[in-house]
C-alpha cells in the first residue's frame, strides 16, 4: 500500500512517449521476469521449507537464490525496448534489499556458531521470521510486476488494492488450509479451536479490510454495500 501511494505521488509518473510505451519487449526483460519468478516463486519457498526441516540443501539453495536475485535485478535495469512508468514494483524492489541482506547476514552469522547463549538464540528467531516472510514478499513483488507490465491500476488505486489484497488473501488462506488438512491435525487439536473458528476470523478481517480499501470518504452506493 505504501509503495503504491509513493508511486502515485511521483512527479514524473506520466512522462512516457508513445514509442517507448509500445516498443516490443526485449529478451533481457523476459529473462528478468522468468528468472525472478523462478527464484521468488520456487527457489526461496523451497529453501524456506528445507530450512525448517534443517536440510543440508538449505544453504546452497538460498545462496543460489540470492545470486540469481542480484542477476535478475541487474537485468531489470539493463533492458531496452519497451519502457515503463515508475511503479510500486520498482519501489518495492528497493525495499526487498532489506530482507535480502538481513537474511544473508543472519545466515552467515549463524554459520559462525558464536555467542551461543547470548545473541545467537535471538538471531535464530529473526532468521526464521525473515525467511518465512519470503513467500509473501515474493508473491507481492510478482503481482506488482504483472501490474506494472500490463499498466493496471493507474487511476483505480483503491479498487486494485481491494481486489489484489482479497485475491491474495484467498490464495494464502487456501495454501494454509491445504497444509492444515495434510499435516495440521495435531496443531488444530492443540490450539483448541476448530477450523471454522479460524474461518470466521479470516472472513471478519477481510470484510473490515475491504471496507476501508474500497471507501476512503467516498459516497456509498447499493452496489458497494452489497459488495462489501
C-alpha atoms as a PDB file:
ATOM      1  CA  UNK A   1       0.000   0.000   0.000  1.00  0.00           C
ATOM      2  CA  UNK A   2       2.824   2.388   0.941  1.00  0.00           C
ATOM      3  CA  UNK A   3       4.722   1.799  -2.302  1.00  0.00           C
ATOM      4  CA  UNK A   4       1.558   2.372  -4.341  1.00  0.00           C
ATOM      5  CA  UNK A   5       0.956   5.693  -2.601  1.00  0.00           C
ATOM      6  CA  UNK A   6       4.585   6.753  -3.116  1.00  0.00           C
ATOM      7  CA  UNK A   7       4.394   5.998  -6.835  1.00  0.00           C
ATOM      8  CA  UNK A   8       1.031   7.718  -7.282  1.00  0.00           C
ATOM      9  CA  UNK A   9       2.635  10.898  -5.907  1.00  0.00           C
ATOM     10  CA  UNK A  10       5.703  10.689  -8.186  1.00  0.00           C
ATOM     11  CA  UNK A  11       6.060  13.916 -10.126  1.00  0.00           C
ATOM     12  CA  UNK A  12       7.186  12.230 -13.370  1.00  0.00           C
ATOM     13  CA  UNK A  13       4.759   9.314 -13.281  1.00  0.00           C
ATOM     14  CA  UNK A  14       3.054  10.174 -16.586  1.00  0.00           C
ATOM     15  CA  UNK A  15       6.081  11.089 -18.703  1.00  0.00           C
ATOM     16  CA  UNK A  16       6.472   8.331 -21.276  1.00  0.00           C
ATOM     17  CA  UNK A  17       6.409   8.660 -25.046  1.00  0.00           C
ATOM     18  CA  UNK A  18       4.118   6.505 -27.169  1.00  0.00           C
ATOM     19  CA  UNK A  19       7.138   4.946 -28.856  1.00  0.00           C
ATOM     20  CA  UNK A  20       8.630   3.896 -25.518  1.00  0.00           C
ATOM     21  CA  UNK A  21       5.309   2.531 -24.244  1.00  0.00           C
ATOM     22  CA  UNK A  22       4.543   0.452 -27.357  1.00  0.00           C
ATOM     23  CA  UNK A  23       8.033  -0.824 -28.198  1.00  0.00           C
ATOM     24  CA  UNK A  24       8.467  -4.637 -28.248  1.00  0.00           C
ATOM     25  CA  UNK A  25       9.551  -6.295 -25.012  1.00  0.00           C
ATOM     26  CA  UNK A  26      13.173  -7.341 -25.442  1.00  0.00           C
ATOM     27  CA  UNK A  27      14.770 -10.662 -24.481  1.00  0.00           C
ATOM     28  CA  UNK A  28      16.556  -9.259 -21.427  1.00  0.00           C
ATOM     29  CA  UNK A  29      13.272  -8.232 -19.819  1.00  0.00           C
ATOM     30  CA  UNK A  30      11.702 -11.636 -20.497  1.00  0.00           C
ATOM     31  CA  UNK A  31      14.729 -13.283 -18.866  1.00  0.00           C
ATOM     32  CA  UNK A  32      14.386 -10.914 -15.903  1.00  0.00           C
ATOM     33  CA  UNK A  33      10.737 -11.870 -15.404  1.00  0.00           C
ATOM     34  CA  UNK A  34      11.333 -15.604 -15.792  1.00  0.00           C
ATOM     35  CA  UNK A  35      14.376 -15.591 -13.540  1.00  0.00           C
ATOM     36  CA  UNK A  36      12.736 -13.645 -10.722  1.00  0.00           C
ATOM     37  CA  UNK A  37       9.570 -15.760 -10.931  1.00  0.00           C
ATOM     38  CA  UNK A  38      11.733 -18.881 -10.608  1.00  0.00           C
ATOM     39  CA  UNK A  39      13.689 -17.518  -7.641  1.00  0.00           C
ATOM     40  CA  UNK A  40      10.859 -15.934  -5.630  1.00  0.00           C
ATOM     41  CA  UNK A  41       8.122 -18.333  -6.687  1.00  0.00           C
ATOM     42  CA  UNK A  42      10.026 -21.607  -6.329  1.00  0.00           C
ATOM     43  CA  UNK A  43      13.616 -21.473  -5.034  1.00  0.00           C
ATOM     44  CA  UNK A  44      13.104 -19.288  -1.966  1.00  0.00           C
ATOM     45  CA  UNK A  45       9.884 -21.030  -0.795  1.00  0.00           C
ATOM     46  CA  UNK A  46      11.507 -24.458  -1.252  1.00  0.00           C
ATOM     47  CA  UNK A  47      14.612 -23.172   0.534  1.00  0.00           C
ATOM     48  CA  UNK A  48      12.410 -21.968   3.393  1.00  0.00           C
ATOM     49  CA  UNK A  49      10.916 -25.452   3.784  1.00  0.00           C
ATOM     50  CA  UNK A  50      14.393 -27.001   3.676  1.00  0.00           C
ATOM     51  CA  UNK A  51      15.469 -24.592   6.408  1.00  0.00           C
ATOM     52  CA  UNK A  52      12.539 -25.598   8.607  1.00  0.00           C
ATOM     53  CA  UNK A  53      13.483 -29.273   8.162  1.00  0.00           C
ATOM     54  CA  UNK A  54      17.182 -28.445   8.731  1.00  0.00           C
ATOM     55  CA  UNK A  55      18.210 -29.924   5.380  1.00  0.00           C
ATOM     56  CA  UNK A  56      21.820 -29.597   4.259  1.00  0.00           C
ATOM     57  CA  UNK A  57      20.481 -28.240   0.945  1.00  0.00           C
ATOM     58  CA  UNK A  58      19.013 -25.134   2.606  1.00  0.00           C
ATOM     59  CA  UNK A  59      22.171 -23.015   2.448  1.00  0.00           C
ATOM     60  CA  UNK A  60      23.182 -23.940  -1.151  1.00  0.00           C
ATOM     61  CA  UNK A  61      19.668 -23.323  -2.464  1.00  0.00           C
ATOM     62  CA  UNK A  62      19.254 -19.986  -0.667  1.00  0.00           C
ATOM     63  CA  UNK A  63      22.730 -18.898  -1.770  1.00  0.00           C
ATOM     64  CA  UNK A  64      21.831 -19.664  -5.374  1.00  0.00           C
ATOM     65  CA  UNK A  65      18.610 -17.710  -4.882  1.00  0.00           C
ATOM     66  CA  UNK A  66      20.495 -14.657  -3.604  1.00  0.00           C
ATOM     67  CA  UNK A  67      22.918 -14.749  -6.547  1.00  0.00           C
ATOM     68  CA  UNK A  68      20.128 -15.136  -9.104  1.00  0.00           C
ATOM     69  CA  UNK A  69      18.146 -12.325  -7.447  1.00  0.00           C
ATOM     70  CA  UNK A  70      21.051  -9.908  -7.892  1.00  0.00           C
ATOM     71  CA  UNK A  71      21.420 -11.061 -11.510  1.00  0.00           C
ATOM     72  CA  UNK A  72      17.700 -10.506 -12.062  1.00  0.00           C
ATOM     73  CA  UNK A  73      17.870  -7.001 -10.606  1.00  0.00           C
ATOM     74  CA  UNK A  74      20.745  -6.126 -12.951  1.00  0.00           C
ATOM     75  CA  UNK A  75      18.755  -7.450 -15.911  1.00  0.00           C
ATOM     76  CA  UNK A  76      15.725  -5.441 -14.821  1.00  0.00           C
ATOM     77  CA  UNK A  77      17.756  -2.240 -15.063  1.00  0.00           C
ATOM     78  CA  UNK A  78      19.527  -3.230 -18.301  1.00  0.00           C
ATOM     79  CA  UNK A  79      16.693  -3.945 -20.711  1.00  0.00           C
ATOM     80  CA  UNK A  80      15.968  -1.919 -23.822  1.00  0.00           C
ATOM     81  CA  UNK A  81      12.801  -1.975 -25.889  1.00  0.00           C
ATOM     82  CA  UNK A  82       9.560  -1.196 -24.061  1.00  0.00           C
ATOM     83  CA  UNK A  83       9.872   1.196 -21.143  1.00  0.00           C
ATOM     84  CA  UNK A  84       7.564   1.528 -18.150  1.00  0.00           C
ATOM     85  CA  UNK A  85       6.293   4.246 -15.869  1.00  0.00           C
ATOM     86  CA  UNK A  86       7.703   4.405 -12.332  1.00  0.00           C
ATOM     87  CA  UNK A  87       5.717   1.891 -10.312  1.00  0.00           C
ATOM     88  CA  UNK A  88       5.299   0.210  -6.947  1.00  0.00           C
ATOM     89  CA  UNK A  89       7.181  -2.751  -8.444  1.00  0.00           C
ATOM     90  CA  UNK A  90      10.332  -0.656  -8.735  1.00  0.00           C
ATOM     91  CA  UNK A  91       9.930   0.882  -5.293  1.00  0.00           C
ATOM     92  CA  UNK A  92       9.276  -2.484  -3.654  1.00  0.00           C
ATOM     93  CA  UNK A  93      12.352  -3.938  -5.387  1.00  0.00           C
ATOM     94  CA  UNK A  94      14.440  -1.486  -3.374  1.00  0.00           C
ATOM     95  CA  UNK A  95      12.556  -2.366  -0.174  1.00  0.00           C
ATOM     96  CA  UNK A  96      13.374  -6.047  -0.771  1.00  0.00           C
ATOM     97  CA  UNK A  97      17.077  -5.335  -0.290  1.00  0.00           C
ATOM     98  CA  UNK A  98      16.363  -5.048   3.452  1.00  0.00           C
ATOM     99  CA  UNK A  99      15.116  -8.637   3.998  1.00  0.00           C
ATOM    100  CA  UNK A 100      17.579  -9.983   1.417  1.00  0.00           C
ATOM    101  CA  UNK A 101      20.663  -8.617   3.153  1.00  0.00           C
ATOM    102  CA  UNK A 102      19.188  -9.208   6.625  1.00  0.00           C
ATOM    103  CA  UNK A 103      18.679 -12.887   5.804  1.00  0.00           C
ATOM    104  CA  UNK A 104      22.119 -13.163   4.217  1.00  0.00           C
ATOM    105  CA  UNK A 105      23.921 -11.562   7.179  1.00  0.00           C
ATOM    106  CA  UNK A 106      21.926 -13.579   9.718  1.00  0.00           C
ATOM    107  CA  UNK A 107      22.705 -16.787   7.841  1.00  0.00           C
ATOM    108  CA  UNK A 108      26.434 -16.033   7.798  1.00  0.00           C
ATOM    109  CA  UNK A 109      26.353 -15.130  11.488  1.00  0.00           C
ATOM    110  CA  UNK A 110      24.583 -18.367  12.417  1.00  0.00           C
ATOM    111  CA  UNK A 111      27.151 -20.388  10.487  1.00  0.00           C
ATOM    112  CA  UNK A 112      29.898 -18.939  12.703  1.00  0.00           C
ATOM    113  CA  UNK A 113      28.326 -20.543  15.807  1.00  0.00           C
ATOM    114  CA  UNK A 114      29.385 -17.743  18.156  1.00  0.00           C
ATOM    115  CA  UNK A 115      27.597 -16.134  21.120  1.00  0.00           C
ATOM    116  CA  UNK A 116      25.738 -19.431  21.588  1.00  0.00           C
ATOM    117  CA  UNK A 117      23.955 -18.384  24.794  1.00  0.00           C
ATOM    118  CA  UNK A 118      23.516 -14.655  24.241  1.00  0.00           C
ATOM    119  CA  UNK A 119      22.882 -13.285  20.750  1.00  0.00           C
ATOM    120  CA  UNK A 120      22.553 -16.478  18.715  1.00  0.00           C
ATOM    121  CA  UNK A 121      19.099 -17.586  20.048  1.00  0.00           C
ATOM    122  CA  UNK A 122      17.608 -14.244  19.003  1.00  0.00           C
ATOM    123  CA  UNK A 123      19.385 -14.418  15.652  1.00  0.00           C
ATOM    124  CA  UNK A 124      17.813 -17.836  15.039  1.00  0.00           C
ATOM    125  CA  UNK A 125      14.344 -16.394  15.686  1.00  0.00           C
ATOM    126  CA  UNK A 126      14.980 -13.376  13.443  1.00  0.00           C
ATOM    127  CA  UNK A 127      16.385 -15.611  10.687  1.00  0.00           C
ATOM    128  CA  UNK A 128      13.248 -17.752  10.827  1.00  0.00           C
ATOM    129  CA  UNK A 129      10.860 -14.802  10.741  1.00  0.00           C
ATOM    130  CA  UNK A 130      12.584 -13.154   7.769  1.00  0.00           C
ATOM    131  CA  UNK A 131      12.829 -16.455   5.910  1.00  0.00           C
ATOM    132  CA  UNK A 132       9.149 -17.259   6.410  1.00  0.00           C
ATOM    133  CA  UNK A 133       8.206 -13.835   5.036  1.00  0.00           C
ATOM    134  CA  UNK A 134       9.826 -14.608   1.668  1.00  0.00           C
ATOM    135  CA  UNK A 135       6.797 -16.324   0.054  1.00  0.00           C
ATOM    136  CA  UNK A 136       4.615 -13.305   0.910  1.00  0.00           C
ATOM    137  CA  UNK A 137       7.260 -10.817  -0.251  1.00  0.00           C
ATOM    138  CA  UNK A 138       7.845 -12.764  -3.460  1.00  0.00           C
ATOM    139  CA  UNK A 139       4.133 -13.069  -4.233  1.00  0.00           C
ATOM    140  CA  UNK A 140       3.663  -9.339  -3.632  1.00  0.00           C
ATOM    141  CA  UNK A 141       6.549  -8.369  -5.891  1.00  0.00           C
ATOM    142  CA  UNK A 142       5.434 -10.709  -8.667  1.00  0.00           C
ATOM    143  CA  UNK A 143       1.923  -9.244  -8.541  1.00  0.00           C
ATOM    144  CA  UNK A 144       3.338  -5.721  -8.658  1.00  0.00           C
ATOM    145  CA  UNK A 145       5.455  -6.792 -11.626  1.00  0.00           C
ATOM    146  CA  UNK A 146       2.409  -8.030 -13.537  1.00  0.00           C
ATOM    147  CA  UNK A 147       0.556  -4.802 -12.697  1.00  0.00           C
ATOM    148  CA  UNK A 148       3.491  -2.693 -13.926  1.00  0.00           C
ATOM    149  CA  UNK A 149       3.901  -4.807 -17.066  1.00  0.00           C
ATOM    150  CA  UNK A 150       0.230  -4.566 -18.017  1.00  0.00           C
ATOM    151  CA  UNK A 151      -0.206  -0.958 -16.860  1.00  0.00           C
ATOM    152  CA  UNK A 152      -3.089  -1.687 -14.483  1.00  0.00           C
ATOM    153  CA  UNK A 153      -4.360   0.371 -11.568  1.00  0.00           C
ATOM    154  CA  UNK A 154      -3.121   3.836 -12.529  1.00  0.00           C
ATOM    155  CA  UNK A 155      -6.418   5.599 -11.893  1.00  0.00           C
ATOM    156  CA  UNK A 156      -8.057   2.949  -9.719  1.00  0.00           C
ATOM    157  CA  UNK A 157      -5.723   2.533  -6.741  1.00  0.00           C
ATOM    158  CA  UNK A 158      -8.452   1.724  -4.197  1.00  0.00           C
ATOM    159  CA  UNK A 159     -10.126  -0.864  -6.419  1.00  0.00           C
ATOM    160  CA  UNK A 160      -6.805  -2.525  -7.215  1.00  0.00           C
ATOM    161  CA  UNK A 161      -5.777  -2.656  -3.583  1.00  0.00           C
ATOM    162  CA  UNK A 162      -9.107  -4.153  -2.545  1.00  0.00           C
ATOM    163  CA  UNK A 163      -9.169  -6.857  -5.211  1.00  0.00           C
ATOM    164  CA  UNK A 164      -5.498  -7.833  -5.180  1.00  0.00           C
ATOM    165  CA  UNK A 165      -5.348  -7.921  -1.378  1.00  0.00           C
ATOM    166  CA  UNK A 166      -8.502 -10.033  -1.159  1.00  0.00           C
ATOM    167  CA  UNK A 167      -7.469 -12.305  -4.034  1.00  0.00           C
ATOM    168  CA  UNK A 168      -4.025 -12.810  -2.497  1.00  0.00           C
ATOM    169  CA  UNK A 169      -5.682 -13.472   0.834  1.00  0.00           C
ATOM    170  CA  UNK A 170      -7.768 -16.249  -0.703  1.00  0.00           C
ATOM    171  CA  UNK A 171      -4.666 -17.805  -2.260  1.00  0.00           C
ATOM    172  CA  UNK A 172      -2.730 -17.619   1.025  1.00  0.00           C
ATOM    173  CA  UNK A 173      -5.611 -18.977   3.064  1.00  0.00           C
ATOM    174  CA  UNK A 174      -6.107 -21.808   0.582  1.00  0.00           C
ATOM    175  CA  UNK A 175      -2.452 -22.773   0.962  1.00  0.00           C
ATOM    176  CA  UNK A 176      -2.685 -22.630   4.766  1.00  0.00           C
ATOM    177  CA  UNK A 177      -5.865 -24.743   4.824  1.00  0.00           C
ATOM    178  CA  UNK A 178      -4.271 -27.294   2.495  1.00  0.00           C
ATOM    179  CA  UNK A 179      -1.290 -27.566   4.857  1.00  0.00           C
ATOM    180  CA  UNK A 180      -3.608 -27.949   7.852  1.00  0.00           C
ATOM    181  CA  UNK A 181      -5.511 -30.732   6.099  1.00  0.00           C
ATOM    182  CA  UNK A 182      -2.294 -32.618   5.380  1.00  0.00           C
ATOM    183  CA  UNK A 183      -0.142 -32.088   8.471  1.00  0.00           C
ATOM    184  CA  UNK A 184      -2.021 -29.774  10.820  1.00  0.00           C
ATOM    185  CA  UNK A 185      -4.466 -32.043  12.627  1.00  0.00           C
ATOM    186  CA  UNK A 186      -2.316 -32.220  15.767  1.00  0.00           C
ATOM    187  CA  UNK A 187      -1.867 -28.436  15.783  1.00  0.00           C
ATOM    188  CA  UNK A 188      -5.619 -27.866  15.441  1.00  0.00           C
ATOM    189  CA  UNK A 189      -6.208 -30.178  18.416  1.00  0.00           C
ATOM    190  CA  UNK A 190      -3.553 -28.411  20.497  1.00  0.00           C
ATOM    191  CA  UNK A 191      -4.970 -24.962  19.703  1.00  0.00           C
ATOM    192  CA  UNK A 192      -8.393 -25.996  20.964  1.00  0.00           C
ATOM    193  CA  UNK A 193     -10.019 -24.096  18.079  1.00  0.00           C
ATOM    194  CA  UNK A 194     -11.947 -25.587  15.194  1.00  0.00           C
ATOM    195  CA  UNK A 195     -11.140 -24.708  11.554  1.00  0.00           C
ATOM    196  CA  UNK A 196     -14.477 -22.871  11.435  1.00  0.00           C
ATOM    197  CA  UNK A 197     -13.284 -20.600  14.251  1.00  0.00           C
ATOM    198  CA  UNK A 198     -10.300 -19.570  12.137  1.00  0.00           C
ATOM    199  CA  UNK A 199     -12.532 -19.218   9.054  1.00  0.00           C
ATOM    200  CA  UNK A 200     -14.799 -16.813  10.904  1.00  0.00           C
ATOM    201  CA  UNK A 201     -11.901 -14.607  11.960  1.00  0.00           C
ATOM    202  CA  UNK A 202     -10.493 -14.527   8.432  1.00  0.00           C
ATOM    203  CA  UNK A 203     -13.866 -13.508   6.969  1.00  0.00           C
ATOM    204  CA  UNK A 204     -14.266 -10.778   9.607  1.00  0.00           C
ATOM    205  CA  UNK A 205     -10.809  -9.335   8.956  1.00  0.00           C
ATOM    206  CA  UNK A 206     -11.254  -9.482   5.173  1.00  0.00           C
ATOM    207  CA  UNK A 207     -14.546  -7.603   5.304  1.00  0.00           C
ATOM    208  CA  UNK A 208     -13.023  -4.966   7.590  1.00  0.00           C
ATOM    209  CA  UNK A 209     -10.040  -4.523   5.277  1.00  0.00           C
ATOM    210  CA  UNK A 210     -12.228  -4.412   2.188  1.00  0.00           C
ATOM    211  CA  UNK A 211     -14.425  -1.734   3.735  1.00  0.00           C
ATOM    212  CA  UNK A 212     -11.520   0.639   4.261  1.00  0.00           C
ATOM    213  CA  UNK A 213      -9.760  -0.043   0.937  1.00  0.00           C
ATOM    214  CA  UNK A 214     -12.948   0.320  -1.093  1.00  0.00           C
ATOM    215  CA  UNK A 215     -14.019   3.599   0.529  1.00  0.00           C
ATOM    216  CA  UNK A 216     -11.879   6.399   1.869  1.00  0.00           C
ATOM    217  CA  UNK A 217     -14.511   9.097   2.327  1.00  0.00           C
ATOM    218  CA  UNK A 218     -16.457   8.472  -0.877  1.00  0.00           C
ATOM    219  CA  UNK A 219     -20.233   8.004  -1.137  1.00  0.00           C
ATOM    220  CA  UNK A 220     -21.643   4.502  -0.635  1.00  0.00           C
ATOM    221  CA  UNK A 221     -23.930   3.023  -3.283  1.00  0.00           C
ATOM    222  CA  UNK A 222     -26.202  -0.018  -3.046  1.00  0.00           C
ATOM    223  CA  UNK A 223     -23.716  -1.989  -5.147  1.00  0.00           C
ATOM    224  CA  UNK A 224     -20.889  -1.004  -2.793  1.00  0.00           C
ATOM    225  CA  UNK A 225     -22.870  -2.188   0.200  1.00  0.00           C
ATOM    226  CA  UNK A 226     -23.653  -5.500  -1.475  1.00  0.00           C
ATOM    227  CA  UNK A 227     -20.037  -5.980  -2.482  1.00  0.00           C
ATOM    228  CA  UNK A 228     -18.649  -5.321   0.996  1.00  0.00           C
END
